[in-house]
């Protein structure tokens, strides 16, 4: 046997420990992503959940003008990303199976920190 130590199953200081069962990257019941992917700004943050908001442009036929509308979506926030996402950050969420009554998305990655 050589002098190398085995580090299987142990997290080093640089690796993030994630005990979240529904984490799309580390969990034992990994959430499979399907459908649409959105980017939006975090407007509310709770333990295990965030609310994002983004604007979209629609054409109004009656007035022959474009109008802005805002959409709010709730997304699951995995334990490994709990400290990364803060209010005002731009994040990317992906559609998954229904997790609760209002949550059908999960946070995939942090796109940009608040300026």
PDB file of N, CA and C in Angstrom:
ATOM      1  N   UNK A   1       0.833  -1.173   0.000  1.00  0.00           N
ATOM      2  CA  UNK A   1       0.000   0.000   0.000  1.00  0.00           C
ATOM      3  C   UNK A   1       0.879   1.239   0.000  1.00  0.00           C
ATOM      4  N   UNK A   2       0.489   2.237  -0.788  1.00  0.00           N
ATOM      5  CA  UNK A   2       1.275   3.465  -0.875  1.00  0.00           C
ATOM      6  C   UNK A   2       0.897   4.413   0.250  1.00  0.00           C
ATOM      7  N   UNK A   3       1.588   5.521   0.356  1.00  0.00           N
ATOM      8  CA  UNK A   3       1.371   6.479   1.430  1.00  0.00           C
ATOM      9  C   UNK A   3       0.218   7.443   1.171  1.00  0.00           C
ATOM     10  N   UNK A   4      -0.627   7.188   0.163  1.00  0.00           N
ATOM     11  CA  UNK A   4      -1.739   8.090  -0.144  1.00  0.00           C
ATOM     12  C   UNK A   4      -2.929   7.778   0.768  1.00  0.00           C
ATOM     13  N   UNK A   5      -3.572   8.834   1.195  1.00  0.00           N
ATOM     14  CA  UNK A   5      -4.757   8.662   2.033  1.00  0.00           C
ATOM     15  C   UNK A   5      -6.006   8.639   1.159  1.00  0.00           C
ATOM     16  N   UNK A   6      -6.943   7.815   1.542  1.00  0.00           N
ATOM     17  CA  UNK A   6      -8.215   7.790   0.832  1.00  0.00           C
ATOM     18  C   UNK A   6      -9.133   8.848   1.438  1.00  0.00           C
ATOM     19  N   UNK A   7      -9.773   9.625   0.574  1.00  0.00           N
ATOM     20  CA  UNK A   7     -10.677  10.667   1.045  1.00  0.00           C
ATOM     21  C   UNK A   7     -12.093  10.445   0.515  1.00  0.00           C
ATOM     22  N   UNK A   8     -12.430   9.202   0.224  1.00  0.00           N
ATOM     23  CA  UNK A   8     -13.774   8.922  -0.265  1.00  0.00           C
ATOM     24  C   UNK A   8     -14.782   9.156   0.839  1.00  0.00           C
ATOM     25  N   UNK A   9     -15.882   9.840   0.481  1.00  0.00           N
ATOM     26  CA  UNK A   9     -16.947  10.076   1.431  1.00  0.00           C
ATOM     27  C   UNK A   9     -16.705  11.238   2.372  1.00  0.00           C
ATOM     28  N   UNK A  10     -15.503  11.797   2.371  1.00  0.00           N
ATOM     29  CA  UNK A  10     -15.200  12.932   3.233  1.00  0.00           C
ATOM     30  C   UNK A  10     -15.093  14.182   2.375  1.00  0.00           C
ATOM     31  N   UNK A  11     -15.661  15.276   2.877  1.00  0.00           N
ATOM     32  CA  UNK A  11     -15.607  16.539   2.152  1.00  0.00           C
ATOM     33  C   UNK A  11     -14.389  17.330   2.611  1.00  0.00           C
ATOM     34  N   UNK A  12     -13.642  17.822   1.648  1.00  0.00           N
ATOM     35  CA  UNK A  12     -12.516  18.675   1.992  1.00  0.00           C
ATOM     36  C   UNK A  12     -13.037  20.067   2.308  1.00  0.00           C
ATOM     37  N   UNK A  13     -12.154  20.958   2.727  1.00  0.00           N
ATOM     38  CA  UNK A  13     -12.583  22.291   3.135  1.00  0.00           C
ATOM     39  C   UNK A  13     -13.136  23.102   1.963  1.00  0.00           C
ATOM     40  N   UNK A  14     -12.705  22.815   0.731  1.00  0.00           N
ATOM     41  CA  UNK A  14     -13.179  23.576  -0.418  1.00  0.00           C
ATOM     42  C   UNK A  14     -14.511  23.061  -0.944  1.00  0.00           C
ATOM     43  N   UNK A  15     -14.831  21.809  -0.723  1.00  0.00           N
ATOM     44  CA  UNK A  15     -16.085  21.255  -1.199  1.00  0.00           C
ATOM     45  C   UNK A  15     -17.225  21.681  -0.287  1.00  0.00           C
ATOM     46  N   UNK A  16     -18.408  21.847  -0.881  1.00  0.00           N
ATOM     47  CA  UNK A  16     -19.574  22.228  -0.108  1.00  0.00           C
ATOM     48  C   UNK A  16     -20.324  20.972   0.298  1.00  0.00           C
ATOM     49  N   UNK A  17     -20.727  20.918   1.544  1.00  0.00           N
ATOM     50  CA  UNK A  17     -21.503  19.788   2.029  1.00  0.00           C
ATOM     51  C   UNK A  17     -22.977  20.125   1.847  1.00  0.00           C
ATOM     52  N   UNK A  18     -23.680  19.260   1.174  1.00  0.00           N
ATOM     53  CA  UNK A  18     -25.094  19.496   0.899  1.00  0.00           C
ATOM     54  C   UNK A  18     -25.887  18.290   1.400  1.00  0.00           C
ATOM     55  N   UNK A  19     -26.695  18.499   2.424  1.00  0.00           N
ATOM     56  CA  UNK A  19     -27.520  17.432   2.967  1.00  0.00           C
ATOM     57  C   UNK A  19     -28.955  17.512   2.460  1.00  0.00           C
ATOM     58  N   UNK A  20     -29.190  18.341   1.469  1.00  0.00           N
ATOM     59  CA  UNK A  20     -30.528  18.530   0.919  1.00  0.00           C
ATOM     60  C   UNK A  20     -30.894  17.352   0.025  1.00  0.00           C
ATOM     61  N   UNK A  21     -31.971  16.657   0.357  1.00  0.00           N
ATOM     62  CA  UNK A  21     -32.384  15.492  -0.421  1.00  0.00           C
ATOM     63  C   UNK A  21     -32.850  15.877  -1.818  1.00  0.00           C
ATOM     64  N   UNK A  22     -33.395  17.087  -1.970  1.00  0.00           N
ATOM     65  CA  UNK A  22     -33.945  17.513  -3.255  1.00  0.00           C
ATOM     66  C   UNK A  22     -33.014  18.439  -4.032  1.00  0.00           C
ATOM     67  N   UNK A  23     -31.741  18.436  -3.705  1.00  0.00           N
ATOM     68  CA  UNK A  23     -30.770  19.243  -4.439  1.00  0.00           C
ATOM     69  C   UNK A  23     -30.589  18.630  -5.832  1.00  0.00           C
ATOM     70  N   UNK A  24     -30.659  19.435  -6.905  1.00  0.00           N
ATOM     71  CA  UNK A  24     -30.509  18.867  -8.251  1.00  0.00           C
ATOM     72  C   UNK A  24     -29.100  18.387  -8.562  1.00  0.00           C
ATOM     73  N   UNK A  25     -28.119  18.711  -7.714  1.00  0.00           N
ATOM     74  CA  UNK A  25     -26.740  18.324  -7.962  1.00  0.00           C
ATOM     75  C   UNK A  25     -26.223  17.259  -7.000  1.00  0.00           C
ATOM     76  N   UNK A  26     -26.635  17.310  -5.713  1.00  0.00           N
ATOM     77  CA  UNK A  26     -26.057  16.433  -4.700  1.00  0.00           C
ATOM     78  C   UNK A  26     -27.047  15.485  -4.036  1.00  0.00           C
ATOM     79  N   UNK A  27     -28.331  15.731  -4.129  1.00  0.00           N
ATOM     80  CA  UNK A  27     -29.317  14.989  -3.353  1.00  0.00           C
ATOM     81  C   UNK A  27     -29.502  13.545  -3.799  1.00  0.00           C
ATOM     82  N   UNK A  28     -30.007  12.712  -2.862  1.00  0.00           N
ATOM     83  CA  UNK A  28     -30.269  11.319  -3.215  1.00  0.00           C
ATOM     84  C   UNK A  28     -31.546  11.194  -4.040  1.00  0.00           C
ATOM     85  N   UNK A  29     -32.460  12.156  -3.897  1.00  0.00           N
ATOM     86  CA  UNK A  29     -33.650  12.210  -4.745  1.00  0.00           C
ATOM     87  C   UNK A  29     -33.486  13.404  -5.682  1.00  0.00           C
ATOM     88  N   UNK A  30     -32.476  13.359  -6.529  1.00  0.00           N
ATOM     89  CA  UNK A  30     -32.146  14.493  -7.385  1.00  0.00           C
ATOM     90  C   UNK A  30     -33.355  14.930  -8.199  1.00  0.00           C
ATOM     91  N   UNK A  31     -33.577  16.231  -8.208  1.00  0.00           N
ATOM     92  CA  UNK A  31     -34.653  16.788  -9.020  1.00  0.00           C
ATOM     93  C   UNK A  31     -34.183  16.845 -10.461  1.00  0.00           C
ATOM     94  N   UNK A  32     -34.951  16.250 -11.344  1.00  0.00           N
ATOM     95  CA  UNK A  32     -34.610  16.283 -12.759  1.00  0.00           C
ATOM     96  C   UNK A  32     -35.197  17.538 -13.374  1.00  0.00           C
ATOM     97  N   UNK A  33     -34.364  18.253 -14.103  1.00  0.00           N
ATOM     98  CA  UNK A  33     -34.813  19.479 -14.749  1.00  0.00           C
ATOM     99  C   UNK A  33     -35.507  19.136 -16.054  1.00  0.00           C
ATOM    100  N   UNK A  34     -36.569  19.876 -16.340  1.00  0.00           N
ATOM    101  CA  UNK A  34     -37.312  19.692 -17.578  1.00  0.00           C
ATOM    102  C   UNK A  34     -37.977  21.013 -17.900  1.00  0.00           C
ATOM    103  N   UNK A  35     -38.343  21.196 -19.117  1.00  0.00           N
ATOM    104  CA  UNK A  35     -39.125  22.385 -19.474  1.00  0.00           C
ATOM    105  C   UNK A  35     -38.312  23.654 -19.574  1.00  0.00           C
ATOM    106  N   UNK A  36     -38.881  24.732 -19.052  1.00  0.00           N
ATOM    107  CA  UNK A  36     -38.351  26.068 -19.275  1.00  0.00           C
ATOM    108  C   UNK A  36     -37.316  26.487 -18.240  1.00  0.00           C
ATOM    109  N   UNK A  37     -36.466  27.420 -18.640  1.00  0.00           N
ATOM    110  CA  UNK A  37     -35.431  27.993 -17.772  1.00  0.00           C
ATOM    111  C   UNK A  37     -35.604  29.507 -17.814  1.00  0.00           C
ATOM    112  N   UNK A  38     -35.601  30.137 -16.628  1.00  0.00           N
ATOM    113  CA  UNK A  38     -35.776  31.580 -16.532  1.00  0.00           C
ATOM    114  C   UNK A  38     -34.636  32.193 -15.741  1.00  0.00           C
ATOM    115  N   UNK A  39     -34.387  33.489 -16.003  1.00  0.00           N
ATOM    116  CA  UNK A  39     -33.460  34.282 -15.207  1.00  0.00           C
ATOM    117  C   UNK A  39     -34.242  35.417 -14.603  1.00  0.00           C
ATOM    118  N   UNK A  40     -34.006  35.679 -13.326  1.00  0.00           N
ATOM    119  CA  UNK A  40     -34.729  36.756 -12.673  1.00  0.00           C
ATOM    120  C   UNK A  40     -34.014  37.237 -11.432  1.00  0.00           C
ATOM    121  N   UNK A  41     -34.514  38.343 -10.891  1.00  0.00           N
ATOM    122  CA  UNK A  41     -33.929  38.967  -9.713  1.00  0.00           C
ATOM    123  C   UNK A  41     -34.625  38.444  -8.463  1.00  0.00           C
ATOM    124  N   UNK A  42     -33.834  38.125  -7.451  1.00  0.00           N
ATOM    125  CA  UNK A  42     -34.386  37.634  -6.191  1.00  0.00           C
ATOM    126  C   UNK A  42     -35.032  38.803  -5.458  1.00  0.00           C
ATOM    127  N   UNK A  43     -36.342  38.681  -5.150  1.00  0.00           N
ATOM    128  CA  UNK A  43     -37.018  39.752  -4.422  1.00  0.00           C
ATOM    129  C   UNK A  43     -37.356  39.343  -2.994  1.00  0.00           C
ATOM    130  N   UNK A  44     -37.436  38.026  -2.736  1.00  0.00           N
ATOM    131  CA  UNK A  44     -37.657  37.522  -1.381  1.00  0.00           C
ATOM    132  C   UNK A  44     -36.839  36.265  -1.190  1.00  0.00           C
ATOM    133  N   UNK A  45     -36.373  36.067   0.043  1.00  0.00           N
ATOM    134  CA  UNK A  45     -35.588  34.876   0.337  1.00  0.00           C
ATOM    135  C   UNK A  45     -36.032  34.304   1.668  1.00  0.00           C
ATOM    136  N   UNK A  46     -36.349  33.018   1.657  1.00  0.00           N
ATOM    137  CA  UNK A  46     -36.720  32.290   2.853  1.00  0.00           C
ATOM    138  C   UNK A  46     -35.805  31.081   2.963  1.00  0.00           C
ATOM    139  N   UNK A  47     -35.926  30.349   4.053  1.00  0.00           N
ATOM    140  CA  UNK A  47     -35.136  29.134   4.203  1.00  0.00           C
ATOM    141  C   UNK A  47     -35.652  28.094   3.212  1.00  0.00           C
ATOM    142  N   UNK A  48     -34.824  27.746   2.231  1.00  0.00           N
ATOM    143  CA  UNK A  48     -35.192  26.722   1.257  1.00  0.00           C
ATOM    144  C   UNK A  48     -36.046  27.206   0.112  1.00  0.00           C
ATOM    145  N   UNK A  49     -36.286  28.527   0.009  1.00  0.00           N
ATOM    146  CA  UNK A  49     -37.146  29.022  -1.059  1.00  0.00           C
ATOM    147  C   UNK A  49     -36.782  30.461  -1.394  1.00  0.00           C
ATOM    148  N   UNK A  50     -36.878  30.817  -2.659  1.00  0.00           N
ATOM    149  CA  UNK A  50     -36.708  32.202  -3.094  1.00  0.00           C
ATOM    150  C   UNK A  50     -37.865  32.569  -4.010  1.00  0.00           C
ATOM    151  N   UNK A  51     -38.120  33.858  -4.127  1.00  0.00           N
ATOM    152  CA  UNK A  51     -39.088  34.374  -5.083  1.00  0.00           C
ATOM    153  C   UNK A  51     -38.327  35.265  -6.041  1.00  0.00           C
ATOM    154  N   UNK A  52     -38.486  35.004  -7.331  1.00  0.00           N
ATOM    155  CA  UNK A  52     -37.808  35.843  -8.318  1.00  0.00           C
ATOM    156  C   UNK A  52     -38.849  36.598  -9.130  1.00  0.00           C
ATOM    157  N   UNK A  53     -38.396  37.684  -9.732  1.00  0.00           N
ATOM    158  CA  UNK A  53     -39.262  38.508 -10.561  1.00  0.00           C
ATOM    159  C   UNK A  53     -38.502  38.884 -11.821  1.00  0.00           C
ATOM    160  N   UNK A  54     -39.201  38.845 -12.962  1.00  0.00           N
ATOM    161  CA  UNK A  54     -38.595  39.288 -14.202  1.00  0.00           C
ATOM    162  C   UNK A  54     -39.652  39.965 -15.060  1.00  0.00           C
ATOM    163  N   UNK A  55     -39.197  40.831 -15.955  1.00  0.00           N
ATOM    164  CA  UNK A  55     -40.104  41.574 -16.832  1.00  0.00           C
ATOM    165  C   UNK A  55     -40.158  40.929 -18.200  1.00  0.00           C
ATOM    166  N   UNK A  56     -41.311  41.063 -18.827  1.00  0.00           N
ATOM    167  CA  UNK A  56     -41.484  40.598 -20.195  1.00  0.00           C
ATOM    168  C   UNK A  56     -42.263  41.661 -20.950  1.00  0.00           C
ATOM    169  N   UNK A  57     -42.152  41.684 -22.255  1.00  0.00           N
ATOM    170  CA  UNK A  57     -42.794  42.702 -23.086  1.00  0.00           C
ATOM    171  C   UNK A  57     -43.876  42.037 -23.925  1.00  0.00           C
ATOM    172  N   UNK A  58     -45.089  42.605 -23.859  1.00  0.00           N
ATOM    173  CA  UNK A  58     -46.214  42.106 -24.638  1.00  0.00           C
ATOM    174  C   UNK A  58     -46.735  43.207 -25.551  1.00  0.00           C
ATOM    175  N   UNK A  59     -47.260  42.804 -26.690  1.00  0.00           N
ATOM    176  CA  UNK A  59     -47.824  43.752 -27.630  1.00  0.00           C
ATOM    177  C   UNK A  59     -49.309  43.904 -27.340  1.00  0.00           C
ATOM    178  N   UNK A  60     -49.787  45.161 -27.211  1.00  0.00           N
ATOM    179  CA  UNK A  60     -51.187  45.454 -26.980  1.00  0.00           C
ATOM    180  C   UNK A  60     -51.811  45.859 -28.315  1.00  0.00           C
ATOM    181  N   UNK A  61     -52.676  44.996 -28.858  1.00  0.00           N
ATOM    182  CA  UNK A  61     -53.232  45.243 -30.193  1.00  0.00           C
ATOM    183  C   UNK A  61     -54.157  46.447 -30.217  1.00  0.00           C
ATOM    184  N   UNK A  62     -54.908  46.645 -29.150  1.00  0.00           N
ATOM    185  CA  UNK A  62     -55.884  47.739 -29.129  1.00  0.00           C
ATOM    186  C   UNK A  62     -55.211  49.102 -29.261  1.00  0.00           C
ATOM    187  N   UNK A  63     -54.137  49.308 -28.520  1.00  0.00           N
ATOM    188  CA  UNK A  63     -53.452  50.592 -28.521  1.00  0.00           C
ATOM    189  C   UNK A  63     -52.210  50.607 -29.400  1.00  0.00           C
ATOM    190  N   UNK A  64     -51.912  49.484 -30.053  1.00  0.00           N
ATOM    191  CA  UNK A  64     -50.764  49.359 -30.946  1.00  0.00           C
ATOM    192  C   UNK A  64     -49.472  49.808 -30.264  1.00  0.00           C
ATOM    193  N   UNK A  65     -49.297  49.339 -29.054  1.00  0.00           N
ATOM    194  CA  UNK A  65     -48.112  49.671 -28.276  1.00  0.00           C
ATOM    195  C   UNK A  65     -47.628  48.413 -27.565  1.00  0.00           C
ATOM    196  N   UNK A  66     -46.408  48.500 -27.044  1.00  0.00           N
ATOM    197  CA  UNK A  66     -45.850  47.429 -26.232  1.00  0.00           C
ATOM    198  C   UNK A  66     -45.993  47.801 -24.765  1.00  0.00           C
ATOM    199  N   UNK A  67     -46.237  46.805 -23.920  1.00  0.00           N
ATOM    200  CA  UNK A  67     -46.340  47.046 -22.492  1.00  0.00           C
ATOM    201  C   UNK A  67     -45.440  46.070 -21.741  1.00  0.00           C
ATOM    202  N   UNK A  68     -44.944  46.532 -20.589  1.00  0.00           N
ATOM    203  CA  UNK A  68     -44.124  45.683 -19.737  1.00  0.00           C
ATOM    204  C   UNK A  68     -45.018  45.018 -18.696  1.00  0.00           C
ATOM    205  N   UNK A  69     -44.756  43.744 -18.443  1.00  0.00           N
ATOM    206  CA  UNK A  69     -45.439  43.023 -17.376  1.00  0.00           C
ATOM    207  C   UNK A  69     -44.408  42.293 -16.544  1.00  0.00           C
ATOM    208  N   UNK A  70     -44.722  42.141 -15.255  1.00  0.00           N
ATOM    209  CA  UNK A  70     -43.814  41.462 -14.350  1.00  0.00           C
ATOM    210  C   UNK A  70     -44.379  40.095 -13.989  1.00  0.00           C
ATOM    211  N   UNK A  71     -43.484  39.124 -13.871  1.00  0.00           N
ATOM    212  CA  UNK A  71     -43.867  37.768 -13.487  1.00  0.00           C
ATOM    213  C   UNK A  71     -43.078  37.378 -12.246  1.00  0.00           C
ATOM    214  N   UNK A  72     -43.780  36.799 -11.263  1.00  0.00           N
ATOM    215  CA  UNK A  72     -43.131  36.298 -10.049  1.00  0.00           C
ATOM    216  C   UNK A  72     -43.218  34.778 -10.051  1.00  0.00           C
ATOM    217  N   UNK A  73     -42.105  34.135  -9.714  1.00  0.00           N
ATOM    218  CA  UNK A  73     -42.056  32.676  -9.608  1.00  0.00           C
ATOM    219  C   UNK A  73     -41.361  32.293  -8.304  1.00  0.00           C
ATOM    220  N   UNK A  74     -41.821  31.197  -7.715  1.00  0.00           N
ATOM    221  CA  UNK A  74     -41.197  30.657  -6.504  1.00  0.00           C
ATOM    222  C   UNK A  74     -40.299  29.494  -6.907  1.00  0.00           C
ATOM    223  N   UNK A  75     -39.142  29.401  -6.282  1.00  0.00           N
ATOM    224  CA  UNK A  75     -38.198  28.338  -6.616  1.00  0.00           C
ATOM    225  C   UNK A  75     -37.561  27.783  -5.343  1.00  0.00           C
ATOM    226  N   UNK A  76     -37.241  26.504  -5.383  1.00  0.00           N
ATOM    227  CA  UNK A  76     -36.568  25.846  -4.252  1.00  0.00           C
ATOM    228  C   UNK A  76     -35.104  26.255  -4.249  1.00  0.00           C
ATOM    229  N   UNK A  77     -34.582  26.581  -3.070  1.00  0.00           N
ATOM    230  CA  UNK A  77     -33.188  26.979  -2.908  1.00  0.00           C
ATOM    231  C   UNK A  77     -32.453  25.866  -2.180  1.00  0.00           C
ATOM    232  N   UNK A  78     -31.576  25.118  -2.874  1.00  0.00           N
ATOM    233  CA  UNK A  78     -30.843  24.027  -2.224  1.00  0.00           C
ATOM    234  C   UNK A  78     -29.930  24.537  -1.102  1.00  0.00           C
ATOM    235  N   UNK A  79     -29.637  23.656  -0.142  1.00  0.00           N
ATOM    236  CA  UNK A  79     -28.797  24.027   0.998  1.00  0.00           C
ATOM    237  C   UNK A  79     -27.407  24.487   0.566  1.00  0.00           C
ATOM    238  N   UNK A  80     -26.869  23.906  -0.496  1.00  0.00           N
ATOM    239  CA  UNK A  80     -25.513  24.260  -0.928  1.00  0.00           C
ATOM    240  C   UNK A  80     -25.439  25.672  -1.525  1.00  0.00           C
ATOM    241  N   UNK A  81     -26.592  26.247  -1.911  1.00  0.00           N
ATOM    242  CA  UNK A  81     -26.614  27.594  -2.488  1.00  0.00           C
ATOM    243  C   UNK A  81     -27.235  28.616  -1.547  1.00  0.00           C
ATOM    244  N   UNK A  82     -27.524  28.205  -0.319  1.00  0.00           N
ATOM    245  CA  UNK A  82     -28.217  29.073   0.643  1.00  0.00           C
ATOM    246  C   UNK A  82     -27.469  30.379   0.898  1.00  0.00           C
ATOM    247  N   UNK A  83     -26.152  30.331   1.017  1.00  0.00           N
ATOM    248  CA  UNK A  83     -25.364  31.527   1.312  1.00  0.00           C
ATOM    249  C   UNK A  83     -24.985  32.321   0.074  1.00  0.00           C
ATOM    250  N   UNK A  84     -25.110  31.720  -1.100  1.00  0.00           N
ATOM    251  CA  UNK A  84     -24.728  32.406  -2.330  1.00  0.00           C
ATOM    252  C   UNK A  84     -25.783  33.407  -2.784  1.00  0.00           C
ATOM    253  N   UNK A  85     -27.037  32.994  -2.826  1.00  0.00           N
ATOM    254  CA  UNK A  85     -28.107  33.842  -3.352  1.00  0.00           C
ATOM    255  C   UNK A  85     -28.600  34.806  -2.285  1.00  0.00           C
ATOM    256  N   UNK A  86     -28.602  36.093  -2.613  1.00  0.00           N
ATOM    257  CA  UNK A  86     -29.096  37.138  -1.717  1.00  0.00           C
ATOM    258  C   UNK A  86     -30.124  37.973  -2.474  1.00  0.00           C
ATOM    259  N   UNK A  87     -30.867  38.803  -1.746  1.00  0.00           N
ATOM    260  CA  UNK A  87     -31.873  39.655  -2.373  1.00  0.00           C
ATOM    261  C   UNK A  87     -31.179  40.624  -3.324  1.00  0.00           C
ATOM    262  N   UNK A  88     -31.696  40.725  -4.537  1.00  0.00           N
ATOM    263  CA  UNK A  88     -31.124  41.603  -5.558  1.00  0.00           C
ATOM    264  C   UNK A  88     -30.233  40.897  -6.555  1.00  0.00           C
ATOM    265  N   UNK A  89     -29.841  39.654  -6.288  1.00  0.00           N
ATOM    266  CA  UNK A  89     -28.983  38.899  -7.205  1.00  0.00           C
ATOM    267  C   UNK A  89     -29.781  38.391  -8.397  1.00  0.00           C
ATOM    268  N   UNK A  90     -29.105  38.180  -9.503  1.00  0.00           N
ATOM    269  CA  UNK A  90     -29.716  37.596 -10.687  1.00  0.00           C
ATOM    270  C   UNK A  90     -29.398  36.102 -10.687  1.00  0.00           C
ATOM    271  N   UNK A  91     -30.441  35.266 -10.677  1.00  0.00           N
ATOM    272  CA  UNK A  91     -30.241  33.821 -10.637  1.00  0.00           C
ATOM    273  C   UNK A  91     -30.973  33.160 -11.785  1.00  0.00           C
ATOM    274  N   UNK A  92     -30.613  31.910 -12.045  1.00  0.00           N
ATOM    275  CA  UNK A  92     -31.246  31.119 -13.096  1.00  0.00           C
ATOM    276  C   UNK A  92     -31.987  29.967 -12.434  1.00  0.00           C
ATOM    277  N   UNK A  93     -33.254  29.761 -12.840  1.00  0.00           N
ATOM    278  CA  UNK A  93     -34.060  28.673 -12.290  1.00  0.00           C
ATOM    279  C   UNK A  93     -34.542  27.789 -13.430  1.00  0.00           C
ATOM    280  N   UNK A  94     -34.737  26.508 -13.116  1.00  0.00           N
ATOM    281  CA  UNK A  94     -35.212  25.552 -14.108  1.00  0.00           C
ATOM    282  C   UNK A  94     -36.463  24.850 -13.617  1.00  0.00           C
ATOM    283  N   UNK A  95     -37.315  24.474 -14.547  1.00  0.00           N
ATOM    284  CA  UNK A  95     -38.568  23.820 -14.203  1.00  0.00           C
ATOM    285  C   UNK A  95     -38.314  22.377 -13.788  1.00  0.00           C
ATOM    286  N   UNK A  96     -39.082  21.902 -12.824  1.00  0.00           N
ATOM    287  CA  UNK A  96     -38.980  20.540 -12.329  1.00  0.00           C
ATOM    288  C   UNK A  96     -40.377  20.055 -11.958  1.00  0.00           C
ATOM    289  N   UNK A  97     -40.463  18.888 -11.375  1.00  0.00           N
ATOM    290  CA  UNK A  97     -41.769  18.384 -10.951  1.00  0.00           C
ATOM    291  C   UNK A  97     -42.319  19.269  -9.833  1.00  0.00           C
ATOM    292  N   UNK A  98     -43.622  19.260  -9.578  1.00  0.00           N
ATOM    293  CA  UNK A  98     -44.158  20.063  -8.471  1.00  0.00           C
ATOM    294  C   UNK A  98     -43.588  19.608  -7.132  1.00  0.00           C
ATOM    295  N   UNK A  99     -43.012  20.542  -6.380  1.00  0.00           N
ATOM    296  CA  UNK A  99     -42.443  20.243  -5.076  1.00  0.00           C
ATOM    297  C   UNK A  99     -43.457  20.567  -3.984  1.00  0.00           C
ATOM    298  N   UNK A 100     -44.233  21.627  -4.174  1.00  0.00           N
ATOM    299  CA  UNK A 100     -45.300  21.987  -3.250  1.00  0.00           C
ATOM    300  C   UNK A 100     -46.395  22.672  -4.064  1.00  0.00           C
ATOM    301  N   UNK A 101     -47.334  23.288  -3.374  1.00  0.00           N
ATOM    302  CA  UNK A 101     -48.457  23.929  -4.057  1.00  0.00           C
ATOM    303  C   UNK A 101     -47.999  25.034  -5.009  1.00  0.00           C
ATOM    304  N   UNK A 102     -46.992  25.803  -4.601  1.00  0.00           N
ATOM    305  CA  UNK A 102     -46.559  26.938  -5.412  1.00  0.00           C
ATOM    306  C   UNK A 102     -45.178  26.777  -6.031  1.00  0.00           C
ATOM    307  N   UNK A 103     -44.400  25.803  -5.602  1.00  0.00           N
ATOM    308  CA  UNK A 103     -43.021  25.679  -6.080  1.00  0.00           C
ATOM    309  C   UNK A 103     -42.919  24.606  -7.159  1.00  0.00           C
ATOM    310  N   UNK A 104     -42.540  25.042  -8.372  1.00  0.00           N
ATOM    311  CA  UNK A 104     -42.349  24.136  -9.503  1.00  0.00           C
ATOM    312  C   UNK A 104     -41.001  24.356 -10.175  1.00  0.00           C
ATOM    313  N   UNK A 105     -40.131  25.126  -9.525  1.00  0.00           N
ATOM    314  CA  UNK A 105     -38.820  25.448 -10.084  1.00  0.00           C
ATOM    315  C   UNK A 105     -37.750  25.235  -9.020  1.00  0.00           C
ATOM    316  N   UNK A 106     -36.493  25.106  -9.467  1.00  0.00           N
ATOM    317  CA  UNK A 106     -35.368  24.951  -8.559  1.00  0.00           C
ATOM    318  C   UNK A 106     -34.232  25.848  -9.066  1.00  0.00           C
ATOM    319  N   UNK A 107     -33.479  26.429  -8.124  1.00  0.00           N
ATOM    320  CA  UNK A 107     -32.371  27.316  -8.478  1.00  0.00           C
ATOM    321  C   UNK A 107     -31.241  26.487  -9.074  1.00  0.00           C
ATOM    322  N   UNK A 108     -30.770  26.895 -10.252  1.00  0.00           N
ATOM    323  CA  UNK A 108     -29.698  26.176 -10.940  1.00  0.00           C
ATOM    324  C   UNK A 108     -28.344  26.827 -10.664  1.00  0.00           C
ATOM    325  N   UNK A 109     -28.273  28.154 -10.861  1.00  0.00           N
ATOM    326  CA  UNK A 109     -26.989  28.821 -10.661  1.00  0.00           C
ATOM    327  C   UNK A 109     -27.185  30.304 -10.409  1.00  0.00           C
ATOM    328  N   UNK A 110     -26.149  30.911  -9.852  1.00  0.00           N
ATOM    329  CA  UNK A 110     -26.100  32.341  -9.618  1.00  0.00           C
ATOM    330  C   UNK A 110     -25.457  32.974 -10.839  1.00  0.00           C
ATOM    331  N   UNK A 111     -26.180  33.884 -11.503  1.00  0.00           N
ATOM    332  CA  UNK A 111     -25.670  34.499 -12.720  1.00  0.00           C
ATOM    333  C   UNK A 111     -24.813  35.727 -12.388  1.00  0.00           C
ATOM    334  N   UNK A 112     -25.347  36.593 -11.503  1.00  0.00           N
ATOM    335  CA  UNK A 112     -24.641  37.832 -11.187  1.00  0.00           C
ATOM    336  C   UNK A 112     -25.039  38.306  -9.794  1.00  0.00           C
ATOM    337  N   UNK A 113     -24.054  38.782  -9.036  1.00  0.00           N
ATOM    338  CA  UNK A 113     -24.314  39.340  -7.716  1.00  0.00           C
ATOM    339  C   UNK A 113     -24.880  40.749  -7.862  1.00  0.00           C
ATOM    340  N   UNK A 114     -25.553  41.224  -6.809  1.00  0.00           N
ATOM    341  CA  UNK A 114     -26.097  42.572  -6.808  1.00  0.00           C
ATOM    342  C   UNK A 114     -24.955  43.575  -6.890  1.00  0.00           C
ATOM    343  N   UNK A 115     -25.110  44.560  -7.747  1.00  0.00           N
ATOM    344  CA  UNK A 115     -24.041  45.552  -7.966  1.00  0.00           C
ATOM    345  C   UNK A 115     -23.854  46.467  -6.791  1.00  0.00           C
TER     346      UNK A 115
END
